[in-house]
Amino acid sequence: MKRCPMAAMVQAALPCTARESADAALSASAPAEARSPAERHAEILVRNGAVLTLAGAPLTLVGHWEWLADGCVFCFPAFGDSERDARTIEFDETRDLGDAGICFLKARAMVGQLASVASARVEDPDDYRVAWQLWQQVKPLRMRFISGCVEAHAAVSSEARTRAHS
């Protein structure tokens, strides 16, 4: 059996007795009917294993995805271990690419794309699928840390939007 290089990033995937469901981990503050189609599509992609492509950055297996505000999304990579690993994506438009995912645009230029593992043009989709399954065991143990990262990025993003509108 071939070893998964992404899974090697996990030193110990401990079984979690109090596992959070994917729905609980992805729950948004707004009711489902109040969220945009792009938000709902992103939730489905992330729940099933998604890869984020950003300009000039390597492909990222998404570990946590959260809409901070209109035009602003927080992403934490699966197996990330530092606040520096977290990303905030700011955009002014999304394009639904159907099965290929969602494209994020700023001033009509693509700043990122969220896609399923199957459609993300990764070298070995099976490695990503295995890593995603391992991450489901690890994520509940990392949620406190990830939540702190979300709060820090939300505060910075909010300050930037306030300055932009001043």
Protein backbone atom coordinates (compact mmCIF):
# COMPACT_ATOMS: atom_id res chain seq x y z
CA MET A 1 0.00 0.00 0.00
CA LYS A 2 1.33 3.40 -0.99
CA ARG A 3 1.98 5.83 1.86
CA CYS A 4 0.19 9.18 1.78
CA PRO A 5 2.71 12.06 1.98
CA MET A 6 0.06 14.48 3.31
CA ALA A 7 -0.89 12.03 6.03
CA ALA A 8 2.74 11.94 7.13
CA MET A 9 2.21 15.50 8.40
CA VAL A 10 0.12 14.06 11.18
CA GLN A 11 2.34 12.80 13.98
CA ALA A 12 -0.50 11.11 15.79
CA ALA A 13 -4.10 11.07 14.62
CA LEU A 14 -5.69 10.37 17.96
CA PRO A 15 -9.19 8.96 18.02
CA CYS A 16 -11.59 11.60 19.21
CA THR A 17 -14.32 10.54 21.62
CA ALA A 18 -16.26 13.78 21.31
CA ARG A 19 -16.17 14.22 17.53
CA GLU A 20 -17.84 17.22 16.01
CA SER A 21 -19.89 16.52 12.93
CA ALA A 22 -18.96 18.28 9.70
CA ASP A 23 -22.23 20.18 9.87
CA ALA A 24 -21.44 21.53 13.34
CA ALA A 25 -17.92 22.49 12.31
CA LEU A 26 -19.25 24.31 9.26
CA SER A 27 -22.27 25.91 10.86
CA ALA A 28 -22.65 29.55 9.95
CA SER A 29 -24.20 32.29 12.02
CA ALA A 30 -26.84 33.06 9.39
CA PRO A 31 -29.74 30.69 8.75
CA ALA A 32 -29.33 28.56 5.61
CA GLU A 33 -31.94 30.50 3.67
CA ALA A 34 -30.12 33.80 4.37
CA ARG A 35 -26.78 32.58 3.01
CA SER A 36 -25.82 33.13 -0.60
CA PRO A 37 -25.69 30.30 -3.13
CA ALA A 38 -21.87 30.67 -3.14
CA GLU A 39 -21.76 30.17 0.65
CA ARG A 40 -23.95 27.08 0.46
CA HIS A 41 -21.90 25.65 -2.43
CA ALA A 42 -18.65 26.29 -0.53
CA GLU A 43 -20.02 24.50 2.54
CA ILE A 44 -20.86 21.44 0.46
CA LEU A 45 -17.42 21.43 -1.18
CA VAL A 46 -15.58 21.80 2.13
CA ARG A 47 -17.74 19.23 3.91
CA ASN A 48 -16.73 16.65 1.28
CA GLY A 49 -13.06 17.63 0.97
CA ALA A 50 -11.96 20.70 -0.97
CA VAL A 51 -8.78 22.16 -2.35
CA LEU A 52 -8.10 25.90 -2.45
CA THR A 53 -5.97 27.41 -5.18
CA LEU A 54 -4.62 30.93 -4.61
CA ALA A 55 -2.49 32.89 -7.04
CA GLY A 56 1.18 32.14 -6.41
CA ALA A 57 0.52 29.59 -3.65
CA PRO A 58 0.58 25.79 -3.58
CA LEU A 59 -2.71 23.88 -3.54
CA THR A 60 -4.20 23.70 -0.07
CA LEU A 61 -6.41 20.97 1.36
CA VAL A 62 -9.01 23.02 3.20
CA GLY A 63 -9.32 22.13 6.87
CA HIS A 64 -11.69 24.91 7.94
CA TRP A 65 -13.65 27.43 5.88
CA GLU A 66 -15.69 30.27 7.29
CA TRP A 67 -17.44 33.22 5.69
CA LEU A 68 -16.43 36.29 7.75
CA ALA A 69 -18.49 38.87 5.85
CA ASP A 70 -19.68 39.62 2.35
CA GLY A 71 -16.58 39.42 0.22
CA CYS A 72 -14.36 37.90 2.89
CA VAL A 73 -13.62 34.25 3.68
CA PHE A 74 -11.31 32.61 6.22
CA CYS A 75 -9.48 29.41 5.31
CA PHE A 76 -7.30 27.21 7.50
CA PRO A 77 -5.43 24.35 5.83
CA ALA A 78 -5.86 20.78 7.00
CA PHE A 79 -2.89 19.92 9.23
CA GLY A 80 -1.88 23.58 9.52
CA ASP A 81 -0.01 24.24 12.76
CA SER A 82 0.49 28.00 12.83
CA GLU A 83 -1.63 31.12 12.59
CA ARG A 84 0.59 32.02 9.61
CA ASP A 85 -0.99 29.08 7.76
CA ALA A 86 -4.43 30.73 7.89
CA ARG A 87 -5.64 32.84 4.97
CA THR A 88 -8.25 35.50 4.50
CA ILE A 89 -9.53 35.80 0.97
CA GLU A 90 -11.08 39.12 0.02
CA PHE A 91 -13.11 39.34 -3.16
CA ASP A 92 -15.90 41.33 -4.73
CA GLU A 93 -17.47 38.63 -6.88
CA THR A 94 -17.88 34.86 -7.02
CA ARG A 95 -18.55 32.66 -10.01
CA ASP A 96 -20.17 29.28 -9.59
CA LEU A 97 -18.27 26.82 -11.77
CA GLY A 98 -20.68 23.96 -11.15
CA ASP A 99 -18.84 20.72 -10.47
CA ALA A 100 -15.51 22.56 -10.86
CA GLY A 101 -16.21 24.65 -7.73
CA ILE A 102 -16.28 28.37 -7.04
CA CYS A 103 -14.04 31.11 -8.41
CA PHE A 104 -13.31 34.23 -6.31
CA LEU A 105 -12.64 37.49 -8.16
CA LYS A 106 -11.39 40.91 -7.09
CA ALA A 107 -11.52 43.71 -9.66
CA ARG A 108 -12.37 40.98 -12.21
CA ALA A 109 -9.09 39.13 -11.56
CA MET A 110 -9.18 35.64 -10.09
CA VAL A 111 -7.81 35.57 -6.53
CA GLY A 112 -8.75 32.00 -5.72
CA GLN A 113 -10.69 28.89 -6.58
CA LEU A 114 -12.31 26.37 -4.28
CA ALA A 115 -12.81 22.95 -5.85
CA SER A 116 -13.60 19.41 -4.84
CA VAL A 117 -10.64 17.06 -4.54
CA ALA A 118 -11.95 15.19 -7.59
CA SER A 119 -11.95 18.27 -9.83
CA ALA A 120 -8.91 20.10 -8.42
CA ARG A 121 -6.20 18.79 -10.76
CA VAL A 122 -4.09 17.48 -7.92
CA GLU A 123 -1.30 15.04 -8.70
CA ASP A 124 -2.75 12.20 -6.60
CA PRO A 125 -6.41 12.67 -5.59
CA ASP A 126 -6.28 9.52 -3.45
CA ASP A 127 -3.60 11.13 -1.23
CA TYR A 128 -5.88 14.11 -0.70
CA ARG A 129 -8.88 11.88 0.07
CA VAL A 130 -6.89 9.92 2.67
CA ALA A 131 -5.54 13.14 4.18
CA TRP A 132 -9.11 14.52 4.33
CA GLN A 133 -10.30 11.44 6.22
CA LEU A 134 -7.41 11.74 8.70
CA TRP A 135 -8.14 15.43 9.14
CA GLN A 136 -11.69 14.55 10.25
CA GLN A 137 -10.10 12.85 13.28
CA VAL A 138 -7.64 15.65 13.99
CA LYS A 139 -9.83 18.73 13.40
CA PRO A 140 -11.88 18.48 16.61
CA LEU A 141 -8.62 18.52 18.56
CA ARG A 142 -7.52 21.70 16.74
CA MET A 143 -10.81 23.65 16.78
CA ARG A 144 -9.90 25.84 19.76
CA PHE A 145 -6.72 26.95 17.98
CA ILE A 146 -8.53 27.43 14.66
CA SER A 147 -11.27 29.47 16.36
CA GLY A 148 -8.61 31.81 17.73
CA CYS A 149 -7.20 32.23 14.23
CA VAL A 150 -10.69 32.98 12.88
CA GLU A 151 -11.18 35.68 15.53
CA ALA A 152 -7.80 37.28 14.79
CA HIS A 153 -8.41 37.31 11.04
CA ALA A 154 -11.97 38.58 11.45
CA ALA A 155 -10.74 41.50 13.56
CA VAL A 156 -8.05 42.46 11.03
CA SER A 157 -10.45 42.09 8.12
CA SER A 158 -13.09 44.19 9.89
CA GLU A 159 -10.56 46.96 10.59
CA ALA A 160 -9.46 46.96 6.93
CA ARG A 161 -13.06 47.21 5.70
CA THR A 162 -13.73 50.06 8.14
CA ARG A 163 -10.66 51.97 6.90
CA ALA A 164 -11.64 51.37 3.26
CA HIS A 165 -15.09 52.89 3.83
CA SER A 166 -13.74 55.92 5.75
